[in-house]
Amino acid sequence: MNTPTRFKRSRKELDSENNPELLEEKNTTMPGTQDYETLKTELISSIGTILDNKLQSLMCRVDKLETDNEKLQIIAKEKNLIIFGILENSGETSTGLISGFRSLLQELGIVDTVGIDDIYRITSPAPNKTTRPIVVKFISVFDKRRVLALKGVLSQRKIFIKEDRTTLQRKQAKLFWEKIDEFKKKDPKYFGTIRGNSLYIKREGRTECSFFIDEKDKVIPN
């Protein structure tokens, strides 16, 4: 009569029960609890290292993309001005807006053509608001600077100009103006000049000190 397979036992298994040497050999070839925990710890550590490296690589790529995006925004906005105070007419068109803007410049002495690539209002219309800001995209930085030079004259007409800046540039400018105010409280003769990510504090035509903004958004002396 054949013995069912599930009841069959090898000769070595039967002998090991009566032979201590064979039993010891069997125990040494099988990993124990301590070996399993060691392997588990090493595996978790290896996976953690791999994930940390991947995360660092992704963070570097994100930082690079953010930096590249900021540069592209700066390039896109470097020829722009934002103008406040020009009344908005009902049914206003871009062509009419350009024509009206050119007429204003002619009144201020710029009689030759200023290259304008585009012009439009920003923000949504609001009740009783007729002076939505205008973005003017000039053909060249030179044309932009010619109009920017009229900033003082235009302010007398309650028309105000500022440069079109990125979110990061506006944030940096705010921090720099806070630093300028600190110096002005000490002496009203102090004033500041902002150039990119640098602030120059001047007094009576001489640069007294300079600052920059670090990666933690702190204004640090150069």
N, C-alpha and C. Protein backbone atom coordinates (compact mmCIF):
# COMPACT_ATOMS: atom_id res chain seq x y z
N MET A 1 0.86 -1.20 0.00
CA MET A 1 0.00 0.00 0.00
C MET A 1 0.88 1.24 0.00
N ASN A 2 0.60 2.17 -0.86
CA ASN A 2 1.40 3.39 -0.96
C ASN A 2 1.02 4.38 0.12
N THR A 3 2.02 4.98 0.69
CA THR A 3 1.77 6.03 1.73
C THR A 3 1.45 7.35 1.04
N PRO A 4 0.37 8.04 1.46
CA PRO A 4 0.05 9.36 0.84
C PRO A 4 1.25 10.30 0.92
N THR A 5 1.35 11.16 -0.13
CA THR A 5 2.51 12.05 -0.22
C THR A 5 2.65 12.93 1.00
N ARG A 6 1.54 13.43 1.57
CA ARG A 6 1.61 14.37 2.69
C ARG A 6 2.15 13.72 3.97
N PHE A 7 2.18 12.34 3.98
CA PHE A 7 2.69 11.65 5.16
C PHE A 7 4.11 11.16 4.96
N LYS A 8 4.64 11.29 3.74
CA LYS A 8 6.00 10.83 3.47
C LYS A 8 7.01 11.75 4.10
N ARG A 9 8.07 11.23 4.68
CA ARG A 9 9.16 12.00 5.26
C ARG A 9 10.47 11.44 4.76
N SER A 10 11.39 12.33 4.47
CA SER A 10 12.67 11.88 3.93
C SER A 10 13.46 11.15 4.99
N ARG A 11 14.43 10.37 4.51
CA ARG A 11 15.31 9.62 5.42
C ARG A 11 16.11 10.58 6.28
N LYS A 12 16.52 11.70 5.66
CA LYS A 12 17.34 12.66 6.40
C LYS A 12 16.55 13.29 7.54
N GLU A 13 15.24 13.58 7.26
CA GLU A 13 14.40 14.16 8.30
C GLU A 13 14.22 13.19 9.46
N LEU A 14 14.03 11.88 9.12
CA LEU A 14 13.86 10.89 10.18
C LEU A 14 15.14 10.71 10.98
N ASP A 15 16.28 10.71 10.28
CA ASP A 15 17.56 10.53 10.97
C ASP A 15 17.89 11.72 11.85
N SER A 16 17.51 12.94 11.41
CA SER A 16 17.89 14.14 12.15
C SER A 16 17.25 14.19 13.52
N GLU A 17 16.11 13.52 13.65
CA GLU A 17 15.46 13.52 14.96
C GLU A 17 16.28 12.75 15.98
N ASN A 18 17.08 11.79 15.49
CA ASN A 18 17.90 10.97 16.40
C ASN A 18 19.37 11.30 16.31
N ASN A 19 19.72 12.24 15.40
CA ASN A 19 21.13 12.59 15.21
C ASN A 19 21.32 14.09 15.47
N PRO A 20 21.90 14.48 16.60
CA PRO A 20 22.08 15.91 16.95
C PRO A 20 22.87 16.70 15.92
N GLU A 21 23.86 16.07 15.27
CA GLU A 21 24.69 16.78 14.30
C GLU A 21 23.86 17.21 13.09
N LEU A 22 23.01 16.28 12.60
CA LEU A 22 22.16 16.64 11.47
C LEU A 22 21.14 17.70 11.86
N LEU A 23 20.64 17.65 13.08
CA LEU A 23 19.67 18.65 13.56
C LEU A 23 20.33 20.02 13.64
N GLU A 24 21.58 20.08 14.11
CA GLU A 24 22.30 21.35 14.21
C GLU A 24 22.56 21.93 12.82
N GLU A 25 22.90 21.04 11.86
CA GLU A 25 23.13 21.49 10.47
C GLU A 25 21.88 22.11 9.89
N LYS A 26 20.74 21.52 10.17
CA LYS A 26 19.46 22.03 9.67
C LYS A 26 19.17 23.42 10.24
N ASN A 27 19.44 23.58 11.54
CA ASN A 27 19.16 24.86 12.19
C ASN A 27 20.07 25.97 11.68
N THR A 28 21.34 25.66 11.38
CA THR A 28 22.28 26.70 10.93
C THR A 28 22.01 27.14 9.50
N THR A 29 21.37 26.32 8.69
CA THR A 29 21.09 26.71 7.31
C THR A 29 19.82 27.53 7.17
N MET A 30 19.01 27.64 8.20
CA MET A 30 17.78 28.42 8.16
C MET A 30 17.98 29.74 8.90
N PRO A 31 17.58 30.88 8.27
CA PRO A 31 17.78 32.18 8.95
C PRO A 31 16.93 32.26 10.20
N GLY A 32 17.55 32.79 11.28
CA GLY A 32 16.83 32.96 12.53
C GLY A 32 16.12 34.30 12.58
N THR A 33 15.43 34.58 13.69
CA THR A 33 14.68 35.83 13.86
C THR A 33 15.60 37.04 13.82
N GLN A 34 16.78 36.90 14.46
CA GLN A 34 17.73 38.02 14.50
C GLN A 34 18.24 38.36 13.09
N ASP A 35 18.55 37.30 12.29
CA ASP A 35 19.01 37.54 10.92
C ASP A 35 17.92 38.20 10.09
N TYR A 36 16.68 37.79 10.28
CA TYR A 36 15.56 38.37 9.54
C TYR A 36 15.39 39.84 9.87
N GLU A 37 15.49 40.20 11.14
CA GLU A 37 15.35 41.61 11.55
C GLU A 37 16.48 42.46 10.99
N THR A 38 17.69 41.87 10.94
CA THR A 38 18.83 42.60 10.38
C THR A 38 18.63 42.88 8.90
N LEU A 39 18.20 41.83 8.17
CA LEU A 39 17.93 42.01 6.75
C LEU A 39 16.82 43.03 6.51
N LYS A 40 15.79 42.97 7.35
CA LYS A 40 14.68 43.91 7.24
C LYS A 40 15.14 45.34 7.45
N THR A 41 15.98 45.55 8.49
CA THR A 41 16.50 46.90 8.79
C THR A 41 17.36 47.42 7.64
N GLU A 42 18.23 46.55 7.11
CA GLU A 42 19.10 46.95 6.00
C GLU A 42 18.28 47.30 4.75
N LEU A 43 17.24 46.52 4.49
CA LEU A 43 16.39 46.77 3.33
C LEU A 43 15.66 48.11 3.46
N ILE A 44 15.10 48.37 4.64
CA ILE A 44 14.40 49.63 4.87
C ILE A 44 15.36 50.81 4.73
N SER A 45 16.58 50.64 5.26
CA SER A 45 17.58 51.72 5.17
C SER A 45 17.96 51.99 3.72
N SER A 46 18.12 50.92 2.93
CA SER A 46 18.48 51.08 1.51
C SER A 46 17.37 51.78 0.74
N ILE A 47 16.12 51.38 1.01
CA ILE A 47 14.99 52.01 0.33
C ILE A 47 14.90 53.49 0.71
N GLY A 48 15.13 53.77 2.01
CA GLY A 48 15.10 55.16 2.47
C GLY A 48 16.15 56.01 1.79
N THR A 49 17.34 55.46 1.62
CA THR A 49 18.43 56.19 0.95
C THR A 49 18.08 56.49 -0.50
N ILE A 50 17.52 55.48 -1.17
CA ILE A 50 17.13 55.66 -2.57
C ILE A 50 16.07 56.74 -2.70
N LEU A 51 15.06 56.70 -1.82
CA LEU A 51 13.98 57.69 -1.87
C LEU A 51 14.50 59.09 -1.56
N ASP A 52 15.42 59.19 -0.59
CA ASP A 52 16.01 60.50 -0.26
C ASP A 52 16.75 61.07 -1.46
N ASN A 53 17.51 60.23 -2.15
CA ASN A 53 18.25 60.69 -3.33
C ASN A 53 17.31 61.15 -4.44
N LYS A 54 16.22 60.36 -4.63
CA LYS A 54 15.23 60.73 -5.64
C LYS A 54 14.58 62.07 -5.29
N LEU A 55 14.25 62.24 -4.00
CA LEU A 55 13.60 63.47 -3.55
C LEU A 55 14.52 64.67 -3.75
N GLN A 56 15.79 64.51 -3.40
CA GLN A 56 16.75 65.60 -3.59
C GLN A 56 16.88 65.97 -5.06
N SER A 57 16.89 64.94 -5.92
CA SER A 57 16.99 65.18 -7.36
C SER A 57 15.77 65.94 -7.87
N LEU A 58 14.57 65.54 -7.41
CA LEU A 58 13.35 66.22 -7.83
C LEU A 58 13.31 67.66 -7.34
N MET A 59 13.75 67.89 -6.10
CA MET A 59 13.76 69.24 -5.55
C MET A 59 14.70 70.15 -6.34
N CYS A 60 15.84 69.60 -6.75
CA CYS A 60 16.78 70.38 -7.58
C CYS A 60 16.15 70.73 -8.92
N ARG A 61 15.42 69.79 -9.49
CA ARG A 61 14.76 70.05 -10.78
C ARG A 61 13.66 71.11 -10.64
N VAL A 62 12.91 71.04 -9.53
CA VAL A 62 11.85 72.03 -9.28
C VAL A 62 12.47 73.41 -9.11
N ASP A 63 13.56 73.49 -8.34
CA ASP A 63 14.24 74.79 -8.14
C ASP A 63 14.71 75.36 -9.47
N LYS A 64 15.27 74.50 -10.31
CA LYS A 64 15.75 74.96 -11.61
C LYS A 64 14.59 75.45 -12.48
N LEU A 65 13.47 74.71 -12.47
CA LEU A 65 12.31 75.12 -13.25
C LEU A 65 11.75 76.45 -12.76
N GLU A 66 11.70 76.64 -11.44
CA GLU A 66 11.22 77.90 -10.88
C GLU A 66 12.14 79.05 -11.27
N THR A 67 13.45 78.81 -11.24
CA THR A 67 14.41 79.84 -11.62
C THR A 67 14.26 80.19 -13.10
N ASP A 68 14.15 79.16 -13.94
CA ASP A 68 13.97 79.39 -15.38
C ASP A 68 12.67 80.14 -15.66
N ASN A 69 11.61 79.77 -14.95
CA ASN A 69 10.32 80.43 -15.14
C ASN A 69 10.39 81.90 -14.74
N GLU A 70 11.09 82.18 -13.64
CA GLU A 70 11.25 83.57 -13.19
C GLU A 70 12.01 84.39 -14.24
N LYS A 71 13.05 83.80 -14.82
CA LYS A 71 13.83 84.51 -15.85
C LYS A 71 12.96 84.81 -17.07
N LEU A 72 12.13 83.84 -17.46
CA LEU A 72 11.25 84.05 -18.62
C LEU A 72 10.23 85.15 -18.33
N GLN A 73 9.71 85.18 -17.11
CA GLN A 73 8.75 86.23 -16.75
C GLN A 73 9.40 87.61 -16.77
N ILE A 74 10.62 87.68 -16.26
CA ILE A 74 11.34 88.96 -16.26
C ILE A 74 11.55 89.45 -17.68
N ILE A 75 11.95 88.54 -18.58
CA ILE A 75 12.16 88.90 -19.98
C ILE A 75 10.85 89.38 -20.60
N ALA A 76 9.74 88.66 -20.28
CA ALA A 76 8.44 89.01 -20.86
C ALA A 76 7.94 90.37 -20.38
N LYS A 77 8.34 90.78 -19.18
CA LYS A 77 7.82 92.02 -18.59
C LYS A 77 8.79 93.21 -18.69
N GLU A 78 10.01 92.98 -19.15
CA GLU A 78 11.02 94.02 -19.08
C GLU A 78 10.71 95.24 -19.96
N LYS A 79 9.82 95.08 -20.95
CA LYS A 79 9.47 96.19 -21.83
C LYS A 79 8.10 96.79 -21.47
N ASN A 80 7.54 96.36 -20.33
CA ASN A 80 6.18 96.78 -19.97
C ASN A 80 6.17 97.90 -18.93
N LEU A 81 5.10 98.69 -18.99
CA LEU A 81 4.79 99.65 -17.93
C LEU A 81 3.32 99.48 -17.56
N ILE A 82 3.02 99.71 -16.27
CA ILE A 82 1.63 99.72 -15.82
C ILE A 82 1.27 101.17 -15.50
N ILE A 83 0.17 101.64 -16.08
CA ILE A 83 -0.21 103.05 -15.95
C ILE A 83 -1.58 103.14 -15.26
N PHE A 84 -1.64 103.99 -14.24
CA PHE A 84 -2.87 104.20 -13.47
C PHE A 84 -3.40 105.61 -13.72
N GLY A 85 -4.72 105.74 -13.80
CA GLY A 85 -5.31 107.07 -13.83
C GLY A 85 -5.85 107.52 -15.17
N ILE A 86 -5.71 106.70 -16.21
CA ILE A 86 -6.28 107.06 -17.51
C ILE A 86 -7.74 106.59 -17.55
N LEU A 87 -8.65 107.52 -17.72
CA LEU A 87 -10.07 107.20 -17.66
C LEU A 87 -10.46 106.20 -18.73
N GLU A 88 -11.38 105.30 -18.38
CA GLU A 88 -11.85 104.27 -19.30
C GLU A 88 -13.18 104.69 -19.90
N ASN A 89 -13.22 104.70 -21.23
CA ASN A 89 -14.45 105.09 -21.93
C ASN A 89 -15.31 103.88 -22.24
N SER A 90 -16.60 104.09 -22.32
CA SER A 90 -17.52 103.01 -22.67
C SER A 90 -17.25 102.54 -24.10
N GLY A 91 -17.17 101.24 -24.28
CA GLY A 91 -16.91 100.68 -25.61
C GLY A 91 -15.48 100.89 -26.07
N GLU A 92 -14.58 101.07 -25.16
CA GLU A 92 -13.18 101.33 -25.49
C GLU A 92 -12.55 100.13 -26.21
N THR A 93 -11.74 100.42 -27.22
CA THR A 93 -11.03 99.38 -27.97
C THR A 93 -9.53 99.57 -27.81
N SER A 94 -8.77 98.54 -28.17
CA SER A 94 -7.31 98.63 -28.09
C SER A 94 -6.77 99.72 -29.01
N THR A 95 -7.36 99.82 -30.20
CA THR A 95 -6.94 100.85 -31.15
C THR A 95 -7.18 102.24 -30.57
N GLY A 96 -8.36 102.44 -29.98
CA GLY A 96 -8.66 103.73 -29.38
C GLY A 96 -7.78 104.02 -28.19
N LEU A 97 -7.44 102.98 -27.43
CA LEU A 97 -6.58 103.15 -26.26
C LEU A 97 -5.17 103.57 -26.69
N ILE A 98 -4.66 102.94 -27.74
CA ILE A 98 -3.33 103.31 -28.26
C ILE A 98 -3.35 104.75 -28.76
N SER A 99 -4.39 105.10 -29.50
CA SER A 99 -4.50 106.46 -30.05
C SER A 99 -4.54 107.49 -28.93
N GLY A 100 -5.34 107.23 -27.90
CA GLY A 100 -5.42 108.15 -26.78
C GLY A 100 -4.11 108.27 -26.03
N PHE A 101 -3.40 107.16 -25.89
CA PHE A 101 -2.12 107.17 -25.19
C PHE A 101 -1.07 107.95 -25.98
N ARG A 102 -1.07 107.77 -27.30
CA ARG A 102 -0.13 108.53 -28.13
C ARG A 102 -0.42 110.03 -28.06
N SER A 103 -1.69 110.39 -28.03
CA SER A 103 -2.06 111.81 -27.92
C SER A 103 -1.55 112.40 -26.61
N LEU A 104 -1.64 111.61 -25.54
CA LEU A 104 -1.13 112.06 -24.24
C LEU A 104 0.37 112.29 -24.30
N LEU A 105 1.10 111.37 -24.95
CA LEU A 105 2.55 111.52 -25.05
C LEU A 105 2.92 112.75 -25.88
N GLN A 106 2.16 113.01 -26.93
CA GLN A 106 2.43 114.19 -27.75
C GLN A 106 2.24 115.48 -26.94
N GLU A 107 1.23 115.49 -26.08
CA GLU A 107 1.02 116.66 -25.22
C GLU A 107 2.21 116.89 -24.30
N LEU A 108 2.90 115.80 -23.96
CA LEU A 108 4.03 115.89 -23.04
C LEU A 108 5.37 116.06 -23.76
N GLY A 109 5.32 116.18 -25.07
CA GLY A 109 6.54 116.49 -25.81
C GLY A 109 7.13 115.37 -26.61
N ILE A 110 6.58 114.16 -26.52
CA ILE A 110 7.08 113.05 -27.35
C ILE A 110 6.26 113.03 -28.63
N VAL A 111 6.76 113.73 -29.64
CA VAL A 111 5.99 113.92 -30.87
C VAL A 111 6.23 112.80 -31.89
N ASP A 112 7.40 112.15 -31.80
CA ASP A 112 7.65 111.05 -32.74
C ASP A 112 7.00 109.78 -32.21
N THR A 113 6.94 108.78 -33.06
CA THR A 113 6.23 107.55 -32.73
C THR A 113 6.98 106.72 -31.69
N VAL A 114 6.25 106.31 -30.68
CA VAL A 114 6.77 105.37 -29.68
C VAL A 114 6.24 103.99 -30.05
N GLY A 115 7.15 103.02 -30.17
CA GLY A 115 6.73 101.69 -30.58
C GLY A 115 5.93 100.98 -29.50
N ILE A 116 4.67 100.69 -29.79
CA ILE A 116 3.79 99.99 -28.84
C ILE A 116 3.39 98.65 -29.46
N ASP A 117 3.72 97.58 -28.77
CA ASP A 117 3.41 96.23 -29.26
C ASP A 117 1.99 95.83 -28.88
N ASP A 118 1.55 96.21 -27.67
CA ASP A 118 0.21 95.86 -27.21
C ASP A 118 -0.17 96.78 -26.05
N ILE A 119 -1.48 96.90 -25.82
CA ILE A 119 -1.97 97.72 -24.72
C ILE A 119 -3.33 97.16 -24.29
N TYR A 120 -3.54 97.04 -23.00
CA TYR A 120 -4.81 96.49 -22.52
C TYR A 120 -5.02 96.85 -21.05
N ARG A 121 -6.28 96.78 -20.63
CA ARG A 121 -6.63 97.01 -19.24
C ARG A 121 -6.46 95.71 -18.45
N ILE A 122 -6.15 95.84 -17.18
CA ILE A 122 -6.06 94.66 -16.31
C ILE A 122 -7.07 94.77 -15.19
N THR A 123 -7.36 93.65 -14.57
CA THR A 123 -8.40 93.46 -13.55
C THR A 123 -9.78 93.56 -14.19
N SER A 124 -10.76 93.01 -13.53
CA SER A 124 -12.13 93.01 -14.05
C SER A 124 -12.82 94.35 -13.79
N PRO A 125 -13.72 94.77 -14.67
CA PRO A 125 -14.46 96.02 -14.44
C PRO A 125 -15.24 95.94 -13.13
N ALA A 126 -15.32 97.06 -12.42
CA ALA A 126 -16.06 97.13 -11.17
C ALA A 126 -16.99 98.33 -11.21
N PRO A 127 -18.13 98.26 -10.51
CA PRO A 127 -19.07 99.39 -10.49
C PRO A 127 -18.40 100.68 -10.02
N ASN A 128 -18.71 101.77 -10.71
CA ASN A 128 -18.21 103.10 -10.35
C ASN A 128 -16.69 103.22 -10.44
N LYS A 129 -16.05 102.29 -11.13
CA LYS A 129 -14.60 102.36 -11.32
C LYS A 129 -14.31 102.59 -12.80
N THR A 130 -13.68 103.73 -13.11
CA THR A 130 -13.41 104.06 -14.51
C THR A 130 -11.92 104.25 -14.79
N THR A 131 -11.09 103.78 -13.89
CA THR A 131 -9.65 103.96 -14.08
C THR A 131 -8.89 102.65 -13.85
N ARG A 132 -9.36 101.59 -14.50
CA ARG A 132 -8.59 100.35 -14.40
C ARG A 132 -7.19 100.56 -14.95
N PRO A 133 -6.18 99.93 -14.33
CA PRO A 133 -4.81 100.11 -14.81
C PRO A 133 -4.65 99.61 -16.25
N ILE A 134 -3.67 100.17 -16.93
CA ILE A 134 -3.34 99.79 -18.30
C ILE A 134 -1.94 99.20 -18.33
N VAL A 135 -1.78 98.09 -19.04
CA VAL A 135 -0.45 97.55 -19.32
C VAL A 135 -0.08 97.94 -20.74
N VAL A 136 1.09 98.58 -20.86
CA VAL A 136 1.60 98.96 -22.18
C VAL A 136 2.85 98.13 -22.46
N LYS A 137 2.80 97.37 -23.55
CA LYS A 137 3.97 96.58 -23.98
C LYS A 137 4.66 97.34 -25.10
N PHE A 138 5.86 97.82 -24.85
CA PHE A 138 6.60 98.60 -25.84
C PHE A 138 7.43 97.68 -26.73
N ILE A 139 7.77 98.20 -27.90
CA ILE A 139 8.60 97.45 -28.84
C ILE A 139 10.01 97.27 -28.29
N SER A 140 10.50 98.29 -27.61
CA SER A 140 11.88 98.25 -27.10
C SER A 140 11.95 98.81 -25.69
N VAL A 141 13.02 98.45 -24.99
CA VAL A 141 13.27 98.99 -23.65
C VAL A 141 13.52 100.50 -23.74
N PHE A 142 14.11 100.94 -24.85
CA PHE A 142 14.37 102.37 -25.05
C PHE A 142 13.07 103.17 -25.04
N ASP A 143 12.06 102.68 -25.78
CA ASP A 143 10.76 103.36 -25.80
C ASP A 143 10.13 103.38 -24.40
N LYS A 144 10.26 102.28 -23.70
CA LYS A 144 9.73 102.20 -22.34
C LYS A 144 10.39 103.25 -21.44
N ARG A 145 11.70 103.39 -21.55
CA ARG A 145 12.41 104.34 -20.69
C ARG A 145 12.07 105.78 -21.03
N ARG A 146 11.77 106.04 -22.29
CA ARG A 146 11.37 107.41 -22.67
C ARG A 146 10.08 107.79 -21.96
N VAL A 147 9.14 106.86 -21.90
CA VAL A 147 7.87 107.14 -21.23
C VAL A 147 8.06 107.17 -19.72
N LEU A 148 8.89 106.27 -19.22
CA LEU A 148 9.13 106.22 -17.77
C LEU A 148 9.77 107.52 -17.27
N ALA A 149 10.53 108.17 -18.15
CA ALA A 149 11.16 109.45 -17.77
C ALA A 149 10.12 110.55 -17.52
N LEU A 150 8.88 110.33 -18.01
CA LEU A 150 7.81 111.32 -17.82
C LEU A 150 7.03 111.08 -16.53
N LYS A 151 7.52 110.21 -15.69
CA LYS A 151 6.80 109.80 -14.48
C LYS A 151 6.41 111.00 -13.61
N GLY A 152 7.35 111.91 -13.41
CA GLY A 152 7.08 113.07 -12.58
C GLY A 152 6.03 114.00 -13.18
N VAL A 153 6.13 114.23 -14.49
CA VAL A 153 5.18 115.11 -15.18
C VAL A 153 3.78 114.50 -15.16
N LEU A 154 3.71 113.19 -15.41
CA LEU A 154 2.41 112.52 -15.43
C LEU A 154 1.75 112.52 -14.05
N SER A 155 2.55 112.41 -13.00
CA SER A 155 1.98 112.40 -11.65
C SER A 155 1.26 113.71 -11.33
N GLN A 156 1.70 114.80 -11.96
CA GLN A 156 1.02 116.09 -11.76
C GLN A 156 -0.39 116.06 -12.35
N ARG A 157 -0.62 115.14 -13.30
CA ARG A 157 -1.95 114.97 -13.89
C ARG A 157 -2.71 113.81 -13.24
N LYS A 158 -2.20 113.35 -12.12
CA LYS A 158 -2.80 112.22 -11.41
C LYS A 158 -2.75 110.93 -12.23
N ILE A 159 -1.73 110.84 -13.08
CA ILE A 159 -1.48 109.62 -13.83
C ILE A 159 -0.15 109.05 -13.33
N PHE A 160 -0.18 107.81 -12.91
CA PHE A 160 0.99 107.23 -12.25
C PHE A 160 1.49 106.01 -13.01
N ILE A 161 2.81 105.86 -13.00
CA ILE A 161 3.46 104.79 -13.75
C ILE A 161 4.31 103.93 -12.81
N LYS A 162 4.28 102.64 -13.07
CA LYS A 162 5.24 101.76 -12.40
C LYS A 162 5.63 100.64 -13.35
N GLU A 163 6.78 100.06 -13.10
CA GLU A 163 7.25 98.98 -13.96
C GLU A 163 6.47 97.69 -13.67
N ASP A 164 6.31 96.89 -14.70
CA ASP A 164 5.61 95.61 -14.58
C ASP A 164 6.60 94.58 -14.06
N ARG A 165 6.39 94.13 -12.84
CA ARG A 165 7.33 93.21 -12.20
C ARG A 165 6.68 91.86 -11.89
N THR A 166 7.53 90.85 -11.73
CA THR A 166 7.03 89.52 -11.36
C THR A 166 6.65 89.51 -9.88
N THR A 167 5.97 88.44 -9.48
CA THR A 167 5.58 88.30 -8.07
C THR A 167 6.81 88.31 -7.16
N LEU A 168 7.87 87.62 -7.58
CA LEU A 168 9.10 87.57 -6.78
C LEU A 168 9.74 88.95 -6.70
N GLN A 169 9.78 89.68 -7.80
CA GLN A 169 10.36 91.02 -7.80
C GLN A 169 9.59 91.97 -6.88
N ARG A 170 8.25 91.86 -6.89
CA ARG A 170 7.43 92.70 -6.01
C ARG A 170 7.69 92.37 -4.54
N LYS A 171 7.84 91.08 -4.27
CA LYS A 171 8.13 90.65 -2.90
C LYS A 171 9.48 91.18 -2.43
N GLN A 172 10.48 91.09 -3.30
CA GLN A 172 11.81 91.60 -2.97
C GLN A 172 11.80 93.11 -2.77
N ALA A 173 11.06 93.80 -3.66
CA ALA A 173 10.98 95.26 -3.55
C ALA A 173 10.36 95.68 -2.22
N LYS A 174 9.33 94.95 -1.78
CA LYS A 174 8.68 95.26 -0.50
C LYS A 174 9.68 95.14 0.66
N LEU A 175 10.47 94.06 0.63
CA LEU A 175 11.47 93.87 1.69
C LEU A 175 12.52 94.98 1.66
N PHE A 176 12.93 95.37 0.45
CA PHE A 176 13.93 96.43 0.33
C PHE A 176 13.38 97.77 0.81
N TRP A 177 12.12 98.08 0.48
CA TRP A 177 11.54 99.35 0.91
C TRP A 177 11.41 99.41 2.43
N GLU A 178 11.16 98.27 3.05
CA GLU A 178 11.13 98.24 4.52
C GLU A 178 12.51 98.58 5.08
N LYS A 179 13.55 98.08 4.43
CA LYS A 179 14.92 98.40 4.87
C LYS A 179 15.25 99.87 4.63
N ILE A 180 14.79 100.42 3.50
CA ILE A 180 15.00 101.84 3.22
C ILE A 180 14.33 102.71 4.28
N ASP A 181 13.10 102.33 4.67
CA ASP A 181 12.38 103.08 5.70
C ASP A 181 13.13 103.07 7.03
N GLU A 182 13.80 101.95 7.34
CA GLU A 182 14.58 101.89 8.57
C GLU A 182 15.66 102.97 8.58
N PHE A 183 16.33 103.13 7.44
CA PHE A 183 17.39 104.13 7.35
C PHE A 183 16.81 105.55 7.36
N LYS A 184 15.68 105.74 6.69
CA LYS A 184 15.07 107.08 6.65
C LYS A 184 14.63 107.55 8.03
N LYS A 185 14.25 106.61 8.89
CA LYS A 185 13.87 106.99 10.25
C LYS A 185 15.08 107.49 11.03
N LYS A 186 16.26 106.98 10.67
CA LYS A 186 17.49 107.45 11.31
C LYS A 186 17.89 108.82 10.78
N ASP A 187 17.75 108.98 9.47
CA ASP A 187 18.14 110.23 8.82
C ASP A 187 17.37 110.35 7.50
N PRO A 188 16.52 111.35 7.34
CA PRO A 188 15.73 111.51 6.11
C PRO A 188 16.57 111.67 4.85
N LYS A 189 17.86 111.96 5.00
CA LYS A 189 18.71 112.12 3.83
C LYS A 189 19.06 110.79 3.16
N TYR A 190 18.82 109.70 3.87
CA TYR A 190 19.09 108.39 3.28
C TYR A 190 18.07 108.09 2.18
N PHE A 191 18.51 107.43 1.13
CA PHE A 191 17.60 106.91 0.10
C PHE A 191 18.19 105.63 -0.47
N GLY A 192 17.37 104.87 -1.16
CA GLY A 192 17.84 103.58 -1.66
C GLY A 192 17.66 103.43 -3.16
N THR A 193 18.54 102.65 -3.76
CA THR A 193 18.46 102.31 -5.18
C THR A 193 18.41 100.79 -5.29
N ILE A 194 17.37 100.27 -5.95
CA ILE A 194 17.21 98.83 -6.11
C ILE A 194 17.64 98.43 -7.51
N ARG A 195 18.55 97.48 -7.58
CA ARG A 195 19.01 96.94 -8.86
C ARG A 195 19.00 95.43 -8.77
N GLY A 196 18.01 94.82 -9.42
CA GLY A 196 17.89 93.37 -9.36
C GLY A 196 17.68 92.90 -7.93
N ASN A 197 18.56 92.02 -7.45
CA ASN A 197 18.47 91.50 -6.09
C ASN A 197 19.44 92.23 -5.15
N SER A 198 19.71 93.48 -5.45
CA SER A 198 20.61 94.27 -4.61
C SER A 198 19.99 95.62 -4.26
N LEU A 199 20.24 96.05 -3.04
CA LEU A 199 19.79 97.36 -2.57
C LEU A 199 21.01 98.17 -2.16
N TYR A 200 21.09 99.41 -2.66
CA TYR A 200 22.20 100.30 -2.32
C TYR A 200 21.64 101.47 -1.52
N ILE A 201 22.11 101.60 -0.29
CA ILE A 201 21.68 102.70 0.58
C ILE A 201 22.66 103.86 0.38
N LYS A 202 22.09 105.02 0.01
CA LYS A 202 22.94 106.18 -0.29
C LYS A 202 22.56 107.37 0.60
N ARG A 203 23.53 108.24 0.74
CA ARG A 203 23.31 109.47 1.51
C ARG A 203 24.22 110.56 0.94
N GLU A 204 23.60 111.64 0.53
CA GLU A 204 24.34 112.76 -0.05
C GLU A 204 25.19 112.30 -1.24
N GLY A 205 24.60 111.43 -2.07
CA GLY A 205 25.27 111.01 -3.30
C GLY A 205 26.31 109.93 -3.14
N ARG A 206 26.48 109.43 -1.93
CA ARG A 206 27.51 108.41 -1.69
C ARG A 206 26.86 107.13 -1.17
N THR A 207 27.31 105.98 -1.70
CA THR A 207 26.78 104.70 -1.25
C THR A 207 27.36 104.35 0.12
N GLU A 208 26.47 104.20 1.09
CA GLU A 208 26.90 103.89 2.46
C GLU A 208 27.03 102.39 2.70
N CYS A 209 26.10 101.61 2.14
CA CYS A 209 26.13 100.16 2.32
C CYS A 209 25.19 99.52 1.29
N SER A 210 25.23 98.20 1.21
CA SER A 210 24.37 97.49 0.26
C SER A 210 23.86 96.20 0.88
N PHE A 211 22.75 95.70 0.34
CA PHE A 211 22.11 94.50 0.87
C PHE A 211 21.65 93.61 -0.28
N PHE A 212 21.41 92.34 0.04
CA PHE A 212 20.78 91.43 -0.90
C PHE A 212 19.81 90.55 -0.12
N ILE A 213 18.95 89.81 -0.84
CA ILE A 213 17.97 88.94 -0.21
C ILE A 213 18.41 87.50 -0.40
N ASP A 214 18.54 86.76 0.71
CA ASP A 214 19.00 85.37 0.62
C ASP A 214 17.84 84.42 0.33
N GLU A 215 18.13 83.12 0.30
CA GLU A 215 17.12 82.12 -0.05
C GLU A 215 16.02 82.00 0.98
N LYS A 216 16.24 82.56 2.19
CA LYS A 216 15.22 82.52 3.23
C LYS A 216 14.45 83.85 3.32
N ASP A 217 14.58 84.67 2.29
CA ASP A 217 13.89 85.96 2.21
C ASP A 217 14.29 86.91 3.34
N LYS A 218 15.56 86.86 3.67
CA LYS A 218 16.13 87.78 4.67
C LYS A 218 17.01 88.81 3.96
N VAL A 219 16.89 90.07 4.38
CA VAL A 219 17.73 91.13 3.80
C VAL A 219 19.08 91.09 4.52
N ILE A 220 20.13 90.74 3.77
CA ILE A 220 21.45 90.51 4.35
C ILE A 220 22.44 91.53 3.80
N PRO A 221 23.32 92.08 4.65
CA PRO A 221 24.35 93.01 4.15
C PRO A 221 25.31 92.30 3.18
N ASN A 222 25.71 93.03 2.14
CA ASN A 222 26.70 92.47 1.21
C ASN A 222 28.08 92.51 1.84
